[in-house]
Protein backbone atom coordinates (compact mmCIF):
# COMPACT_ATOMS: atom_id res chain seq x y z
CA MET A 1 -5.45 -6.63 -20.85
CA GLY A 2 -7.46 -8.75 -18.38
CA THR A 3 -8.97 -7.74 -15.28
CA MET A 4 -6.65 -7.51 -12.18
CA SER A 5 -7.81 -9.05 -8.94
CA MET A 6 -7.69 -6.63 -5.97
CA PRO A 7 -6.27 -7.32 -2.47
CA SER A 8 -8.33 -7.81 0.52
CA ASN A 9 -9.88 -4.71 2.11
CA LEU A 10 -7.39 -2.76 4.27
CA SER A 11 -4.52 -4.95 3.27
CA ALA A 12 -0.90 -3.45 3.50
CA VAL A 13 0.44 -3.58 -0.06
CA LEU A 14 3.16 -2.29 -2.34
CA PHE A 15 1.60 -1.05 -5.57
CA THR A 16 2.89 0.35 -8.82
CA ASP A 17 1.04 3.00 -10.87
CA LYS A 18 0.90 3.54 -14.64
CA ASN A 19 4.05 5.80 -14.44
CA GLY A 20 6.07 2.98 -12.88
CA ILE A 21 6.24 4.51 -9.41
CA THR A 22 6.03 2.01 -6.57
CA ARG A 23 4.49 3.07 -3.27
CA GLU A 24 3.54 1.33 0.03
CA GLY A 25 0.12 1.80 1.38
CA VAL A 26 -3.27 0.12 2.02
CA TYR A 27 -6.01 -1.01 -0.33
CA LYS A 28 -9.46 0.48 0.68
CA LYS A 29 -12.28 -1.44 -1.13
CA GLY A 30 -15.00 1.20 -0.26
CA LEU A 31 -13.01 3.85 -2.14
CA ASN A 32 -11.94 1.40 -4.89
CA ALA A 33 -8.45 2.83 -4.39
CA PHE A 34 -4.98 2.42 -2.87
CA VAL A 35 -3.91 4.89 -0.26
CA GLU A 36 -0.27 5.72 0.21
CA ALA A 37 1.13 5.20 3.72
CA LEU A 38 2.23 8.58 5.13
CA GLY A 39 3.38 7.85 8.68
CA ASP A 40 2.19 10.04 11.52
CA GLU A 41 1.08 13.11 9.55
CA GLY A 42 -2.54 12.71 10.46
CA PRO A 43 -5.54 11.90 8.44
CA GLU A 44 -5.15 10.70 4.82
CA ASP A 45 -4.73 13.41 2.26
CA PRO A 46 -7.10 12.84 -0.83
CA GLY A 47 -4.14 13.57 -2.98
CA ASN A 48 -2.53 10.35 -1.87
CA LEU A 49 -5.42 8.20 -3.31
CA TYR A 50 -4.67 6.07 -6.34
CA PRO A 51 -7.77 4.58 -8.11
CA GLU A 52 -7.75 0.91 -9.00
CA ASP A 53 -7.55 1.83 -12.75
CA ASP A 54 -4.21 3.71 -12.23
CA ILE A 55 -2.55 0.70 -10.63
CA THR A 56 -0.70 -1.94 -12.85
CA THR A 57 0.66 -4.28 -10.18
CA TRP A 58 0.34 -4.83 -6.49
CA GLU A 59 1.63 -7.26 -3.86
CA TYR A 60 1.05 -7.95 -0.20
CA LEU A 61 3.64 -6.67 2.22
CA ASP A 62 5.42 -9.19 4.24
CA GLN A 63 3.21 -9.77 7.28
CA ARG A 64 5.93 -11.92 8.94
CA ARG A 65 8.22 -8.97 9.49
CA SER A 66 8.93 -8.62 13.26
CA PRO A 67 7.78 -5.27 14.74
CA ASP A 68 11.09 -5.23 16.58
CA ALA A 69 13.18 -5.76 13.51
CA ASP A 70 14.60 -2.16 13.68
CA PHE A 71 15.97 -2.64 17.20
CA MET A 72 19.54 -3.66 18.12
CA VAL A 73 20.65 -5.07 21.43
CA ILE A 74 24.11 -3.84 22.37
CA LEU A 75 25.73 -5.88 25.21
C-alpha cells in the first residue's frame, strides 16, 4: 500500500479508521494525528486522538456550508 498524503494542518476533515468507523474532526500535523470533534465539552481528550497510521481514508469537510444552515425563518 502506498503512502497516503495528509490534509493541511488544522483542517476540518472526515476520517475513517482501520475498523471502518468514520469520524469528524481536525488534522493536527504537530501530533501526526487526527482529533475527533467533541463539541463544547472542553479541552480535547487524548483518548480521541487517532494516529495517521490508523487512518485509511480522509476527506475535507465542505467549507462552503453556511453557518446559518440550521436556522429556519418562519413568516
